């Protein structure tokens, strides 16, 4: 956490390469292996929408992905192990 952390830099570096190839510039932002307290949850979730909207986990553009990350990361407690089976 904090300004310009490595995770945020990676989101931007990869995202700005991929973004021009996406026709609607909408990206699902999914969290794995955490407790999304901003969604009112108290237990670990292995697949949750970071924007808090299970019906539409997408956000506009990579700038939106980074903004969503910044606005919610403090309210997500990281937890493990992470299970990807529910997503697959």
C-alpha atoms as a PDB file:
ATOM      1  CA  UNK A   1       0.000   0.000   0.000  1.00  0.00           C
ATOM      2  CA  UNK A   2       1.100   3.563  -0.471  1.00  0.00           C
ATOM      3  CA  UNK A   3       1.750   5.724  -3.491  1.00  0.00           C
ATOM      4  CA  UNK A   4       3.157   4.028  -6.581  1.00  0.00           C
ATOM      5  CA  UNK A   5       3.653   0.579  -5.068  1.00  0.00           C
ATOM      6  CA  UNK A   6       4.959  -2.302  -7.187  1.00  0.00           C
ATOM      7  CA  UNK A   7       1.555  -3.936  -7.578  1.00  0.00           C
ATOM      8  CA  UNK A   8       0.049  -0.702  -8.853  1.00  0.00           C
ATOM      9  CA  UNK A   9       2.998  -0.189 -11.218  1.00  0.00           C
ATOM     10  CA  UNK A  10       2.515  -3.707 -12.612  1.00  0.00           C
ATOM     11  CA  UNK A  11      -1.216  -3.080 -13.146  1.00  0.00           C
ATOM     12  CA  UNK A  12      -0.383   0.029 -15.148  1.00  0.00           C
ATOM     13  CA  UNK A  13       2.488  -1.462 -17.139  1.00  0.00           C
ATOM     14  CA  UNK A  14       0.550  -4.531 -18.247  1.00  0.00           C
ATOM     15  CA  UNK A  15      -2.837  -2.841 -18.390  1.00  0.00           C
ATOM     16  CA  UNK A  16      -1.825   0.011 -20.663  1.00  0.00           C
ATOM     17  CA  UNK A  17      -0.426  -2.539 -23.144  1.00  0.00           C
ATOM     18  CA  UNK A  18      -3.615  -4.634 -23.097  1.00  0.00           C
ATOM     19  CA  UNK A  19      -6.202  -1.845 -22.886  1.00  0.00           C
ATOM     20  CA  UNK A  20      -6.097  -0.723 -26.561  1.00  0.00           C
ATOM     21  CA  UNK A  21      -7.031  -4.249 -27.663  1.00  0.00           C
ATOM     22  CA  UNK A  22     -10.226  -4.382 -25.597  1.00  0.00           C
ATOM     23  CA  UNK A  23     -13.145  -2.971 -27.592  1.00  0.00           C
ATOM     24  CA  UNK A  24     -15.186  -1.648 -24.661  1.00  0.00           C
ATOM     25  CA  UNK A  25     -12.310  -0.949 -22.236  1.00  0.00           C
ATOM     26  CA  UNK A  26     -14.255  -2.684 -19.432  1.00  0.00           C
ATOM     27  CA  UNK A  27     -12.241  -4.976 -17.175  1.00  0.00           C
ATOM     28  CA  UNK A  28     -13.510  -7.369 -14.489  1.00  0.00           C
ATOM     29  CA  UNK A  29     -11.552  -6.799 -11.266  1.00  0.00           C
ATOM     30  CA  UNK A  30     -11.626  -9.956  -9.161  1.00  0.00           C
ATOM     31  CA  UNK A  31      -9.969 -10.509  -5.789  1.00  0.00           C
ATOM     32  CA  UNK A  32      -8.711 -13.868  -4.579  1.00  0.00           C
ATOM     33  CA  UNK A  33      -8.078 -15.121  -1.065  1.00  0.00           C
ATOM     34  CA  UNK A  34      -9.144 -12.187   1.045  1.00  0.00           C
ATOM     35  CA  UNK A  35     -11.838 -10.867   3.321  1.00  0.00           C
ATOM     36  CA  UNK A  36     -13.637  -8.077   1.439  1.00  0.00           C
ATOM     37  CA  UNK A  37     -14.875  -6.099   4.430  1.00  0.00           C
ATOM     38  CA  UNK A  38     -16.191  -3.354   2.134  1.00  0.00           C
ATOM     39  CA  UNK A  39     -18.779  -5.928   1.009  1.00  0.00           C
ATOM     40  CA  UNK A  40     -19.806  -6.671   4.586  1.00  0.00           C
ATOM     41  CA  UNK A  41     -18.066 -10.051   4.601  1.00  0.00           C
ATOM     42  CA  UNK A  42     -16.316 -11.434   7.664  1.00  0.00           C
ATOM     43  CA  UNK A  43     -14.933 -14.664   6.189  1.00  0.00           C
ATOM     44  CA  UNK A  44     -12.364 -15.336   3.486  1.00  0.00           C
ATOM     45  CA  UNK A  45     -13.613 -15.305  -0.090  1.00  0.00           C
ATOM     46  CA  UNK A  46     -11.622 -17.026  -2.813  1.00  0.00           C
ATOM     47  CA  UNK A  47     -13.298 -15.072  -5.608  1.00  0.00           C
ATOM     48  CA  UNK A  48     -14.933 -11.673  -5.105  1.00  0.00           C
ATOM     49  CA  UNK A  49     -15.581  -8.523  -7.130  1.00  0.00           C
ATOM     50  CA  UNK A  50     -13.179  -5.858  -5.909  1.00  0.00           C
ATOM     51  CA  UNK A  51     -15.681  -3.132  -6.818  1.00  0.00           C
ATOM     52  CA  UNK A  52     -18.226  -4.791  -4.489  1.00  0.00           C
ATOM     53  CA  UNK A  53     -20.748  -5.465  -7.276  1.00  0.00           C
ATOM     54  CA  UNK A  54     -21.245  -9.237  -7.812  1.00  0.00           C
ATOM     55  CA  UNK A  55     -23.596  -8.559 -10.724  1.00  0.00           C
ATOM     56  CA  UNK A  56     -21.060  -6.436 -12.596  1.00  0.00           C
ATOM     57  CA  UNK A  57     -17.429  -6.707 -11.461  1.00  0.00           C
ATOM     58  CA  UNK A  58     -16.188  -4.618 -14.415  1.00  0.00           C
ATOM     59  CA  UNK A  59     -14.672  -1.146 -14.258  1.00  0.00           C
ATOM     60  CA  UNK A  60     -13.877   1.325 -17.050  1.00  0.00           C
ATOM     61  CA  UNK A  61     -10.266   1.304 -18.253  1.00  0.00           C
ATOM     62  CA  UNK A  62      -6.995   0.577 -16.540  1.00  0.00           C
ATOM     63  CA  UNK A  63      -7.230   3.902 -14.725  1.00  0.00           C
ATOM     64  CA  UNK A  64     -10.504   2.562 -13.292  1.00  0.00           C
ATOM     65  CA  UNK A  65      -8.814  -0.694 -12.286  1.00  0.00           C
ATOM     66  CA  UNK A  66      -6.120   1.229 -10.410  1.00  0.00           C
ATOM     67  CA  UNK A  67      -8.677   3.573  -8.817  1.00  0.00           C
ATOM     68  CA  UNK A  68     -10.781   0.603  -7.664  1.00  0.00           C
ATOM     69  CA  UNK A  69      -7.674  -1.078  -6.239  1.00  0.00           C
ATOM     70  CA  UNK A  70      -6.666   2.097  -4.386  1.00  0.00           C
ATOM     71  CA  UNK A  71     -10.123   2.731  -2.970  1.00  0.00           C
ATOM     72  CA  UNK A  72     -10.698  -0.811  -1.666  1.00  0.00           C
ATOM     73  CA  UNK A  73      -7.323  -2.345  -0.766  1.00  0.00           C
ATOM     74  CA  UNK A  74      -7.391  -0.953   2.776  1.00  0.00           C
ATOM     75  CA  UNK A  75     -10.720  -2.707   3.405  1.00  0.00           C
ATOM     76  CA  UNK A  76      -9.566  -6.121   2.149  1.00  0.00           C
ATOM     77  CA  UNK A  77      -7.712  -8.379   4.567  1.00  0.00           C
ATOM     78  CA  UNK A  78      -5.442 -10.719   2.641  1.00  0.00           C
ATOM     79  CA  UNK A  79      -5.831 -14.350   3.630  1.00  0.00           C
ATOM     80  CA  UNK A  80      -4.630 -17.705   2.433  1.00  0.00           C
ATOM     81  CA  UNK A  81      -4.379 -20.194   1.098  1.00  0.00           C
ATOM     82  CA  UNK A  82      -6.043 -19.048  -2.106  1.00  0.00           C
ATOM     83  CA  UNK A  83      -8.220 -21.540  -3.974  1.00  0.00           C
ATOM     84  CA  UNK A  84      -8.789 -20.841  -7.683  1.00  0.00           C
ATOM     85  CA  UNK A  85     -11.212 -23.766  -8.216  1.00  0.00           C
ATOM     86  CA  UNK A  86     -14.354 -21.607  -7.588  1.00  0.00           C
ATOM     87  CA  UNK A  87     -13.262 -19.299 -10.400  1.00  0.00           C
ATOM     88  CA  UNK A  88     -12.369 -22.040 -12.845  1.00  0.00           C
END
